[in-house]
Full PDB file with SEQRES, HELIX, SHEET, SSBOND, CRYST1, ORIGX, SCALE, CONECT and MASTER records, all heavy atoms in Angstrom:
SEQRES   1 A   37  LEU ARG SER THR VAL ARG ARG LEU VAL PHE PRO ASP LEU          
SEQRES   2 A   37  PRO GLU PRO VAL TYR SER GLY LEU VAL GLY ASN GLY GLY          
SEQRES   3 A   37  VAL ILE ASP VAL PRO GLU VAL PRO ALA THR ASN                  
HELIX    1 AA1 THR A    4  VAL A    9  1                                   6    
CRYST1    1.000    1.000    1.000  90.00  90.00  90.00 P 1           1          
ORIGX1      1.000000  0.000000  0.000000        0.00000                         
ORIGX2      0.000000  1.000000  0.000000        0.00000                         
ORIGX3      0.000000  0.000000  1.000000        0.00000                         
SCALE1      1.000000  0.000000  0.000000        0.00000                         
SCALE2      0.000000  1.000000  0.000000        0.00000                         
SCALE3      0.000000  0.000000  1.000000        0.00000                         
ATOM      1  N   LEU A   1      -1.756   2.962   8.301  1.00  0.00           N  
ATOM      2  CA  LEU A   1      -1.675   1.556   8.687  1.00  0.00           C  
ATOM      3  C   LEU A   1      -0.705   1.345   9.842  1.00  0.00           C  
ATOM      4  O   LEU A   1      -0.956   0.563  10.761  1.00  0.00           O  
ATOM      5  CB  LEU A   1      -1.242   0.731   7.470  1.00  0.00           C  
ATOM      6  CG  LEU A   1      -1.097  -0.765   7.659  1.00  0.00           C  
ATOM      7  CD1 LEU A   1      -2.452  -1.419   7.791  1.00  0.00           C  
ATOM      8  CD2 LEU A   1      -0.328  -1.380   6.487  1.00  0.00           C  
ATOM      9  N   ARG A   2       0.422   2.043   9.810  1.00  0.00           N  
ATOM     10  CA  ARG A   2       1.444   1.930  10.858  1.00  0.00           C  
ATOM     11  C   ARG A   2       1.288   3.058  11.872  1.00  0.00           C  
ATOM     12  O   ARG A   2       2.244   3.729  12.245  1.00  0.00           O  
ATOM     13  CB  ARG A   2       2.836   1.972  10.233  1.00  0.00           C  
ATOM     14  CG  ARG A   2       3.111   0.825   9.278  1.00  0.00           C  
ATOM     15  CD  ARG A   2       3.159  -0.492  10.007  1.00  0.00           C  
ATOM     16  NE  ARG A   2       3.554  -1.608   9.148  1.00  0.00           N  
ATOM     17  CZ  ARG A   2       3.623  -2.860   9.542  1.00  0.00           C  
ATOM     18  NH1 ARG A   2       3.299  -3.168  10.789  1.00  0.00           N  
ATOM     19  NH2 ARG A   2       3.987  -3.825   8.719  1.00  0.00           N  
ATOM     20  N   SER A   3       0.091   3.290  12.315  1.00  0.00           N  
ATOM     21  CA  SER A   3      -0.255   4.429  13.159  1.00  0.00           C  
ATOM     22  C   SER A   3       0.607   4.510  14.419  1.00  0.00           C  
ATOM     23  O   SER A   3       0.661   3.578  15.227  1.00  0.00           O  
ATOM     24  CB  SER A   3      -1.734   4.313  13.566  1.00  0.00           C  
ATOM     25  OG  SER A   3      -2.053   5.236  14.579  1.00  0.00           O  
ATOM     26  N   THR A   4       1.257   5.666  14.582  1.00  0.00           N  
ATOM     27  CA  THR A   4       2.003   5.935  15.809  1.00  0.00           C  
ATOM     28  C   THR A   4       1.053   6.051  16.998  1.00  0.00           C  
ATOM     29  O   THR A   4       1.339   5.551  18.090  1.00  0.00           O  
ATOM     30  CB  THR A   4       2.818   7.227  15.667  1.00  0.00           C  
ATOM     31  OG1 THR A   4       3.794   7.058  14.642  1.00  0.00           O  
ATOM     32  CG2 THR A   4       3.522   7.588  16.964  1.00  0.00           C  
ATOM     33  N   VAL A   5      -0.068   6.701  16.789  1.00  0.00           N  
ATOM     34  CA  VAL A   5      -1.033   6.872  17.880  1.00  0.00           C  
ATOM     35  C   VAL A   5      -1.564   5.527  18.336  1.00  0.00           C  
ATOM     36  O   VAL A   5      -1.691   5.270  19.539  1.00  0.00           O  
ATOM     37  CB  VAL A   5      -2.177   7.812  17.449  1.00  0.00           C  
ATOM     38  CG1 VAL A   5      -3.248   7.883  18.542  1.00  0.00           C  
ATOM     39  CG2 VAL A   5      -1.644   9.199  17.134  1.00  0.00           C  
ATOM     40  N   ARG A   6      -1.870   4.642  17.403  1.00  0.00           N  
ATOM     41  CA  ARG A   6      -2.365   3.316  17.789  1.00  0.00           C  
ATOM     42  C   ARG A   6      -1.312   2.575  18.615  1.00  0.00           C  
ATOM     43  O   ARG A   6      -1.625   1.924  19.615  1.00  0.00           O  
ATOM     44  CB  ARG A   6      -2.737   2.501  16.548  1.00  0.00           C  
ATOM     45  CG  ARG A   6      -3.494   1.221  16.880  1.00  0.00           C  
ATOM     46  CD  ARG A   6      -3.891   0.434  15.633  1.00  0.00           C  
ATOM     47  NE  ARG A   6      -2.727  -0.072  14.937  1.00  0.00           N  
ATOM     48  CZ  ARG A   6      -2.461   0.140  13.660  1.00  0.00           C  
ATOM     49  NH1 ARG A   6      -3.285   0.867  12.916  1.00  0.00           N  
ATOM     50  NH2 ARG A   6      -1.383  -0.346  13.098  1.00  0.00           N  
ATOM     51  N   ARG A   7      -0.062   2.716  18.228  1.00  0.00           N  
ATOM     52  CA  ARG A   7       1.007   2.043  18.973  1.00  0.00           C  
ATOM     53  C   ARG A   7       1.156   2.622  20.373  1.00  0.00           C  
ATOM     54  O   ARG A   7       1.366   1.881  21.341  1.00  0.00           O  
ATOM     55  CB  ARG A   7       2.328   2.178  18.197  1.00  0.00           C  
ATOM     56  CG  ARG A   7       3.544   1.621  18.932  1.00  0.00           C  
ATOM     57  CD  ARG A   7       4.774   1.679  18.054  1.00  0.00           C  
ATOM     58  NE  ARG A   7       5.025   3.004  17.535  1.00  0.00           N  
ATOM     59  CZ  ARG A   7       5.638   3.979  18.229  1.00  0.00           C  
ATOM     60  NH1 ARG A   7       6.029   3.761  19.478  1.00  0.00           N  
ATOM     61  NH2 ARG A   7       5.859   5.156  17.670  1.00  0.00           N  
ATOM     62  N   LEU A   8       1.021   3.940  20.510  1.00  0.00           N  
ATOM     63  CA  LEU A   8       1.219   4.581  21.808  1.00  0.00           C  
ATOM     64  C   LEU A   8       0.032   4.398  22.746  1.00  0.00           C  
ATOM     65  O   LEU A   8       0.203   4.194  23.954  1.00  0.00           O  
ATOM     66  CB  LEU A   8       1.484   6.083  21.609  1.00  0.00           C  
ATOM     67  CG  LEU A   8       2.806   6.472  20.954  1.00  0.00           C  
ATOM     68  CD1 LEU A   8       2.835   7.975  20.687  1.00  0.00           C  
ATOM     69  CD2 LEU A   8       3.992   6.066  21.813  1.00  0.00           C  
ATOM     70  N   VAL A   9      -1.173   4.469  22.208  1.00  0.00           N  
ATOM     71  CA  VAL A   9      -2.378   4.472  23.054  1.00  0.00           C  
ATOM     72  C   VAL A   9      -3.037   3.100  23.136  1.00  0.00           C  
ATOM     73  O   VAL A   9      -3.672   2.767  24.144  1.00  0.00           O  
ATOM     74  CB  VAL A   9      -3.388   5.526  22.541  1.00  0.00           C  
ATOM     75  CG1 VAL A   9      -4.645   5.553  23.394  1.00  0.00           C  
ATOM     76  CG2 VAL A   9      -2.737   6.904  22.510  1.00  0.00           C  
ATOM     77  N   PHE A  10      -2.898   2.289  22.097  1.00  0.00           N  
ATOM     78  CA  PHE A  10      -3.573   0.990  22.036  1.00  0.00           C  
ATOM     79  C   PHE A  10      -2.540  -0.128  21.833  1.00  0.00           C  
ATOM     80  O   PHE A  10      -2.616  -0.868  20.850  1.00  0.00           O  
ATOM     81  CB  PHE A  10      -4.568   0.958  20.874  1.00  0.00           C  
ATOM     82  CG  PHE A  10      -5.571   2.082  20.839  1.00  0.00           C  
ATOM     83  CD1 PHE A  10      -5.247   3.310  20.268  1.00  0.00           C  
ATOM     84  CD2 PHE A  10      -6.856   1.904  21.336  1.00  0.00           C  
ATOM     85  CE1 PHE A  10      -6.175   4.345  20.213  1.00  0.00           C  
ATOM     86  CE2 PHE A  10      -7.788   2.925  21.274  1.00  0.00           C  
ATOM     87  CZ  PHE A  10      -7.443   4.149  20.722  1.00  0.00           C  
ATOM     88  N   PRO A  11      -1.567  -0.267  22.718  1.00  0.00           N  
ATOM     89  CA  PRO A  11      -0.511  -1.266  22.490  1.00  0.00           C  
ATOM     90  C   PRO A  11      -1.011  -2.700  22.471  1.00  0.00           C  
ATOM     91  O   PRO A  11      -0.314  -3.598  21.981  1.00  0.00           O  
ATOM     92  CB  PRO A  11       0.457  -1.024  23.661  1.00  0.00           C  
ATOM     93  CG  PRO A  11      -0.387  -0.402  24.728  1.00  0.00           C  
ATOM     94  CD  PRO A  11      -1.394   0.438  24.003  1.00  0.00           C  
ATOM     95  N   ASP A  12      -2.211  -2.939  22.984  1.00  0.00           N  
ATOM     96  CA  ASP A  12      -2.747  -4.295  23.042  1.00  0.00           C  
ATOM     97  C   ASP A  12      -3.455  -4.708  21.754  1.00  0.00           C  
ATOM     98  O   ASP A  12      -3.777  -5.886  21.580  1.00  0.00           O  
ATOM     99  CB  ASP A  12      -3.731  -4.409  24.205  1.00  0.00           C  
ATOM    100  CG  ASP A  12      -4.899  -3.420  24.080  1.00  0.00           C  
ATOM    101  OD1 ASP A  12      -4.624  -2.221  23.809  1.00  0.00           O  
ATOM    102  OD2 ASP A  12      -6.062  -3.821  24.251  1.00  0.00           O  
ATOM    103  N   LEU A  13      -3.710  -3.763  20.861  1.00  0.00           N  
ATOM    104  CA  LEU A  13      -4.451  -4.095  19.644  1.00  0.00           C  
ATOM    105  C   LEU A  13      -3.562  -4.863  18.670  1.00  0.00           C  
ATOM    106  O   LEU A  13      -2.350  -4.692  18.643  1.00  0.00           O  
ATOM    107  CB  LEU A  13      -4.982  -2.822  18.974  1.00  0.00           C  
ATOM    108  CG  LEU A  13      -6.057  -2.063  19.736  1.00  0.00           C  
ATOM    109  CD1 LEU A  13      -6.542  -0.877  18.912  1.00  0.00           C  
ATOM    110  CD2 LEU A  13      -7.235  -2.966  20.098  1.00  0.00           C  
ATOM    111  N   PRO A  14      -4.169  -5.724  17.831  1.00  0.00           N  
ATOM    112  CA  PRO A  14      -3.373  -6.508  16.882  1.00  0.00           C  
ATOM    113  C   PRO A  14      -2.687  -5.631  15.839  1.00  0.00           C  
ATOM    114  O   PRO A  14      -3.175  -4.546  15.500  1.00  0.00           O  
ATOM    115  CB  PRO A  14      -4.405  -7.430  16.231  1.00  0.00           C  
ATOM    116  CG  PRO A  14      -5.723  -6.760  16.443  1.00  0.00           C  
ATOM    117  CD  PRO A  14      -5.609  -6.034  17.749  1.00  0.00           C  
ATOM    118  N   GLU A  15      -1.547  -6.124  15.357  1.00  0.00           N  
ATOM    119  CA  GLU A  15      -0.783  -5.420  14.334  1.00  0.00           C  
ATOM    120  C   GLU A  15      -1.202  -5.895  12.943  1.00  0.00           C  
ATOM    121  O   GLU A  15      -1.751  -6.999  12.792  1.00  0.00           O  
ATOM    122  CB  GLU A  15       0.710  -5.676  14.537  1.00  0.00           C  
ATOM    123  CG  GLU A  15       1.293  -5.025  15.778  1.00  0.00           C  
ATOM    124  CD  GLU A  15       1.302  -3.500  15.674  1.00  0.00           C  
ATOM    125  OE1 GLU A  15       1.697  -2.979  14.626  1.00  0.00           O  
ATOM    126  OE2 GLU A  15       0.888  -2.842  16.641  1.00  0.00           O  
ATOM    127  N   PRO A  16      -0.941  -5.086  11.908  1.00  0.00           N  
ATOM    128  CA  PRO A  16      -1.213  -5.538  10.534  1.00  0.00           C  
ATOM    129  C   PRO A  16      -0.434  -6.808  10.211  1.00  0.00           C  
ATOM    130  O   PRO A  16       0.676  -7.019  10.702  1.00  0.00           O  
ATOM    131  CB  PRO A  16      -0.734  -4.363   9.678  1.00  0.00           C  
ATOM    132  CG  PRO A  16      -0.732  -3.185  10.591  1.00  0.00           C  
ATOM    133  CD  PRO A  16      -0.411  -3.717  11.950  1.00  0.00           C  
ATOM    134  N   VAL A  17      -1.018  -7.647   9.369  1.00  0.00           N  
ATOM    135  CA  VAL A  17      -0.420  -8.929   8.996  1.00  0.00           C  
ATOM    136  C   VAL A  17      -0.147  -8.918   7.492  1.00  0.00           C  
ATOM    137  O   VAL A  17      -1.028  -8.574   6.694  1.00  0.00           O  
ATOM    138  CB  VAL A  17      -1.362 -10.094   9.359  1.00  0.00           C  
ATOM    139  CG1 VAL A  17      -0.761 -11.429   8.924  1.00  0.00           C  
ATOM    140  CG2 VAL A  17      -1.659 -10.095  10.854  1.00  0.00           C  
ATOM    141  N   TYR A  18       1.044  -9.293   7.104  1.00  0.00           N  
ATOM    142  CA  TYR A  18       1.392  -9.348   5.685  1.00  0.00           C  
ATOM    143  C   TYR A  18       0.520 -10.376   4.968  1.00  0.00           C  
ATOM    144  O   TYR A  18       0.365 -11.511   5.423  1.00  0.00           O  
ATOM    145  CB  TYR A  18       2.874  -9.689   5.535  1.00  0.00           C  
ATOM    146  CG  TYR A  18       3.328  -9.869   4.105  1.00  0.00           C  
ATOM    147  CD1 TYR A  18       3.114  -8.861   3.156  1.00  0.00           C  
ATOM    148  CD2 TYR A  18       3.965 -11.033   3.700  1.00  0.00           C  
ATOM    149  CE1 TYR A  18       3.522  -9.032   1.842  1.00  0.00           C  
ATOM    150  CE2 TYR A  18       4.386 -11.199   2.399  1.00  0.00           C  
ATOM    151  CZ  TYR A  18       4.161 -10.199   1.467  1.00  0.00           C  
ATOM    152  OH  TYR A  18       4.569 -10.363   0.163  1.00  0.00           O  
ATOM    153  N   SER A  19      -0.044  -9.977   3.830  1.00  0.00           N  
ATOM    154  CA  SER A  19      -1.007 -10.811   3.111  1.00  0.00           C  
ATOM    155  C   SER A  19      -0.374 -11.828   2.185  1.00  0.00           C  
ATOM    156  O   SER A  19      -1.072 -12.704   1.653  1.00  0.00           O  
ATOM    157  CB  SER A  19      -1.934  -9.911   2.276  1.00  0.00           C  
ATOM    158  OG  SER A  19      -1.207  -9.332   1.190  1.00  0.00           O  
ATOM    159  N   GLY A  20       0.929 -11.706   1.949  1.00  0.00           N  
ATOM    160  CA  GLY A  20       1.583 -12.585   0.987  1.00  0.00           C  
ATOM    161  C   GLY A  20       1.668 -11.999  -0.400  1.00  0.00           C  
ATOM    162  O   GLY A  20       2.193 -12.636  -1.319  1.00  0.00           O  
ATOM    163  N   LEU A  21       1.147 -10.767  -0.572  1.00  0.00           N  
ATOM    164  CA  LEU A  21       1.187 -10.091  -1.865  1.00  0.00           C  
ATOM    165  C   LEU A  21       1.973  -8.789  -1.750  1.00  0.00           C  
ATOM    166  O   LEU A  21       1.921  -8.111  -0.732  1.00  0.00           O  
ATOM    167  CB  LEU A  21      -0.223  -9.779  -2.363  1.00  0.00           C  
ATOM    168  CG  LEU A  21      -1.139 -10.971  -2.674  1.00  0.00           C  
ATOM    169  CD1 LEU A  21      -2.558 -10.486  -2.936  1.00  0.00           C  
ATOM    170  CD2 LEU A  21      -0.622 -11.753  -3.882  1.00  0.00           C  
ATOM    171  N   VAL A  22       2.684  -8.446  -2.821  1.00  0.00           N  
ATOM    172  CA  VAL A  22       3.398  -7.175  -2.873  1.00  0.00           C  
ATOM    173  C   VAL A  22       3.059  -6.502  -4.202  1.00  0.00           C  
ATOM    174  O   VAL A  22       2.832  -7.168  -5.221  1.00  0.00           O  
ATOM    175  CB  VAL A  22       4.923  -7.385  -2.741  1.00  0.00           C  
ATOM    176  CG1 VAL A  22       5.475  -8.250  -3.868  1.00  0.00           C  
ATOM    177  CG2 VAL A  22       5.664  -6.055  -2.686  1.00  0.00           C  
ATOM    178  N   GLY A  23       2.975  -5.181  -4.188  1.00  0.00           N  
ATOM    179  CA  GLY A  23       2.595  -4.443  -5.384  1.00  0.00           C  
ATOM    180  C   GLY A  23       3.645  -3.435  -5.807  1.00  0.00           C  
ATOM    181  O   GLY A  23       4.503  -3.017  -5.032  1.00  0.00           O  
ATOM    182  N   ASN A  24       3.573  -3.057  -7.067  1.00  0.00           N  
ATOM    183  CA  ASN A  24       4.368  -1.982  -7.643  1.00  0.00           C  
ATOM    184  C   ASN A  24       3.440  -1.134  -8.490  1.00  0.00           C  
ATOM    185  O   ASN A  24       2.309  -1.526  -8.791  1.00  0.00           O  
ATOM    186  CB  ASN A  24       5.489  -2.532  -8.533  1.00  0.00           C  
ATOM    187  CG  ASN A  24       6.447  -3.424  -7.786  1.00  0.00           C  
ATOM    188  OD1 ASN A  24       7.327  -2.956  -7.094  1.00  0.00           O  
ATOM    189  ND2 ASN A  24       6.260  -4.745  -7.915  1.00  0.00           N  
ATOM    190  N   GLY A  25       3.920   0.007  -8.916  1.00  0.00           N  
ATOM    191  CA  GLY A  25       3.096   0.824  -9.791  1.00  0.00           C  
ATOM    192  C   GLY A  25       3.738   2.149 -10.064  1.00  0.00           C  
ATOM    193  O   GLY A  25       4.738   2.531  -9.447  1.00  0.00           O  
ATOM    194  N   GLY A  26       3.153   2.864 -11.025  1.00  0.00           N  
ATOM    195  CA  GLY A  26       3.682   4.177 -11.354  1.00  0.00           C  
ATOM    196  C   GLY A  26       2.985   4.764 -12.566  1.00  0.00           C  
ATOM    197  O   GLY A  26       1.976   4.245 -13.056  1.00  0.00           O  
ATOM    198  N   VAL A  27       3.559   5.841 -13.032  1.00  0.00           N  
ATOM    199  CA  VAL A  27       3.042   6.571 -14.188  1.00  0.00           C  
ATOM    200  C   VAL A  27       4.206   6.761 -15.148  1.00  0.00           C  
ATOM    201  O   VAL A  27       5.261   7.277 -14.762  1.00  0.00           O  
ATOM    202  CB  VAL A  27       2.470   7.941 -13.772  1.00  0.00           C  
ATOM    203  CG1 VAL A  27       1.902   8.670 -14.985  1.00  0.00           C  
ATOM    204  CG2 VAL A  27       1.401   7.775 -12.699  1.00  0.00           C  
ATOM    205  N   ILE A  28       4.048   6.328 -16.398  1.00  0.00           N  
ATOM    206  CA  ILE A  28       5.162   6.386 -17.343  1.00  0.00           C  
ATOM    207  C   ILE A  28       4.641   6.647 -18.750  1.00  0.00           C  
ATOM    208  O   ILE A  28       3.558   6.180 -19.123  1.00  0.00           O  
ATOM    209  CB  ILE A  28       5.974   5.067 -17.306  1.00  0.00           C  
ATOM    210  CG1 ILE A  28       7.231   5.185 -18.168  1.00  0.00           C  
ATOM    211  CG2 ILE A  28       5.125   3.872 -17.707  1.00  0.00           C  
ATOM    212  CD1 ILE A  28       8.217   4.037 -17.971  1.00  0.00           C  
ATOM    213  N   ASP A  29       5.396   7.403 -19.532  1.00  0.00           N  
ATOM    214  CA  ASP A  29       5.049   7.651 -20.939  1.00  0.00           C  
ATOM    215  C   ASP A  29       5.499   6.479 -21.785  1.00  0.00           C  
ATOM    216  O   ASP A  29       6.689   6.129 -21.815  1.00  0.00           O  
ATOM    217  CB  ASP A  29       5.721   8.935 -21.431  1.00  0.00           C  
ATOM    218  CG  ASP A  29       5.041  10.187 -20.915  1.00  0.00           C  
ATOM    219  OD1 ASP A  29       3.823  10.323 -21.128  1.00  0.00           O  
ATOM    220  OD2 ASP A  29       5.712  11.020 -20.289  1.00  0.00           O  
ATOM    221  N   VAL A  30       4.555   5.860 -22.479  1.00  0.00           N  
ATOM    222  CA  VAL A  30       4.853   4.798 -23.451  1.00  0.00           C  
ATOM    223  C   VAL A  30       3.995   5.112 -24.679  1.00  0.00           C  
ATOM    224  O   VAL A  30       2.871   4.611 -24.808  1.00  0.00           O  
ATOM    225  CB  VAL A  30       4.545   3.397 -22.886  1.00  0.00           C  
ATOM    226  CG1 VAL A  30       5.121   2.321 -23.805  1.00  0.00           C  
ATOM    227  CG2 VAL A  30       5.090   3.219 -21.473  1.00  0.00           C  
ATOM    228  N   PRO A  31       4.487   5.970 -25.577  1.00  0.00           N  
ATOM    229  CA  PRO A  31       3.650   6.485 -26.682  1.00  0.00           C  
ATOM    230  C   PRO A  31       3.036   5.403 -27.554  1.00  0.00           C  
ATOM    231  O   PRO A  31       1.932   5.576 -28.090  1.00  0.00           O  
ATOM    232  CB  PRO A  31       4.637   7.353 -27.474  1.00  0.00           C  
ATOM    233  CG  PRO A  31       5.681   7.757 -26.484  1.00  0.00           C  
ATOM    234  CD  PRO A  31       5.828   6.572 -25.574  1.00  0.00           C  
ATOM    235  N   GLU A  32       3.727   4.268 -27.723  1.00  0.00           N  
ATOM    236  CA  GLU A  32       3.221   3.248 -28.637  1.00  0.00           C  
ATOM    237  C   GLU A  32       2.061   2.445 -28.061  1.00  0.00           C  
ATOM    238  O   GLU A  32       1.415   1.669 -28.785  1.00  0.00           O  
ATOM    239  CB  GLU A  32       4.348   2.294 -29.053  1.00  0.00           C  
ATOM    240  CG  GLU A  32       5.017   1.558 -27.908  1.00  0.00           C  
ATOM    241  CD  GLU A  32       6.217   2.300 -27.317  1.00  0.00           C  
ATOM    242  OE1 GLU A  32       6.236   3.550 -27.387  1.00  0.00           O  
ATOM    243  OE2 GLU A  32       7.113   1.626 -26.779  1.00  0.00           O  
ATOM    244  N   VAL A  33       1.767   2.606 -26.793  1.00  0.00           N  
ATOM    245  CA  VAL A  33       0.632   1.909 -26.189  1.00  0.00           C  
ATOM    246  C   VAL A  33      -0.643   2.706 -26.478  1.00  0.00           C  
ATOM    247  O   VAL A  33      -0.718   3.896 -26.164  1.00  0.00           O  
ATOM    248  CB  VAL A  33       0.826   1.752 -24.666  1.00  0.00           C  
ATOM    249  CG1 VAL A  33      -0.444   1.217 -24.009  1.00  0.00           C  
ATOM    250  CG2 VAL A  33       2.003   0.825 -24.375  1.00  0.00           C  
ATOM    251  N   PRO A  34      -1.647   2.093 -27.084  1.00  0.00           N  
ATOM    252  CA  PRO A  34      -2.880   2.833 -27.396  1.00  0.00           C  
ATOM    253  C   PRO A  34      -3.700   3.153 -26.155  1.00  0.00           C  
ATOM    254  O   PRO A  34      -3.586   2.498 -25.123  1.00  0.00           O  
ATOM    255  CB  PRO A  34      -3.634   1.885 -28.330  1.00  0.00           C  
ATOM    256  CG  PRO A  34      -3.118   0.530 -27.997  1.00  0.00           C  
ATOM    257  CD  PRO A  34      -1.689   0.709 -27.582  1.00  0.00           C  
ATOM    258  N   ALA A  35      -4.528   4.180 -26.262  1.00  0.00           N  
ATOM    259  CA  ALA A  35      -5.420   4.563 -25.167  1.00  0.00           C  
ATOM    260  C   ALA A  35      -6.392   3.428 -24.872  1.00  0.00           C  
ATOM    261  O   ALA A  35      -6.779   2.664 -25.761  1.00  0.00           O  
ATOM    262  CB  ALA A  35      -6.175   5.830 -25.528  1.00  0.00           C  
ATOM    263  N   THR A  36      -6.810   3.349 -23.637  1.00  0.00           N  
ATOM    264  CA  THR A  36      -7.746   2.293 -23.231  1.00  0.00           C  
ATOM    265  C   THR A  36      -9.186   2.790 -23.183  1.00  0.00           C  
ATOM    266  O   THR A  36     -10.086   2.045 -22.794  1.00  0.00           O  
ATOM    267  CB  THR A  36      -7.358   1.717 -21.865  1.00  0.00           C  
ATOM    268  OG1 THR A  36      -7.461   2.741 -20.874  1.00  0.00           O  
ATOM    269  CG2 THR A  36      -5.936   1.163 -21.886  1.00  0.00           C  
ATOM    270  N   ASN A  37      -9.403   4.054 -23.547  1.00  0.00           N  
ATOM    271  CA  ASN A  37     -10.751   4.622 -23.626  1.00  0.00           C  
ATOM    272  C   ASN A  37     -11.522   4.486 -22.316  1.00  0.00           C  
ATOM    273  O   ASN A  37     -12.698   4.120 -22.289  1.00  0.00           O  
ATOM    274  CB  ASN A  37     -11.537   3.964 -24.770  1.00  0.00           C  
ATOM    275  CG  ASN A  37     -10.860   4.173 -26.109  1.00  0.00           C  
ATOM    276  OD1 ASN A  37     -10.409   5.285 -26.421  1.00  0.00           O  
ATOM    277  ND2 ASN A  37     -10.745   3.122 -26.898  1.00  0.00           N  
TER     278      ASN A  37                                                      
MASTER        0    0    0    1    0    0    0    6  277    1    0    3          
END                                                                             
């Protein structure tokens, strides 16, 4: 998304725009949570 090549070769092209949303995520052991099948 933050391409160095795009910045160097295509400086006139539009930049990414923040959508107003931010995300988080990961992988964690929580034994008491049942499988979702």
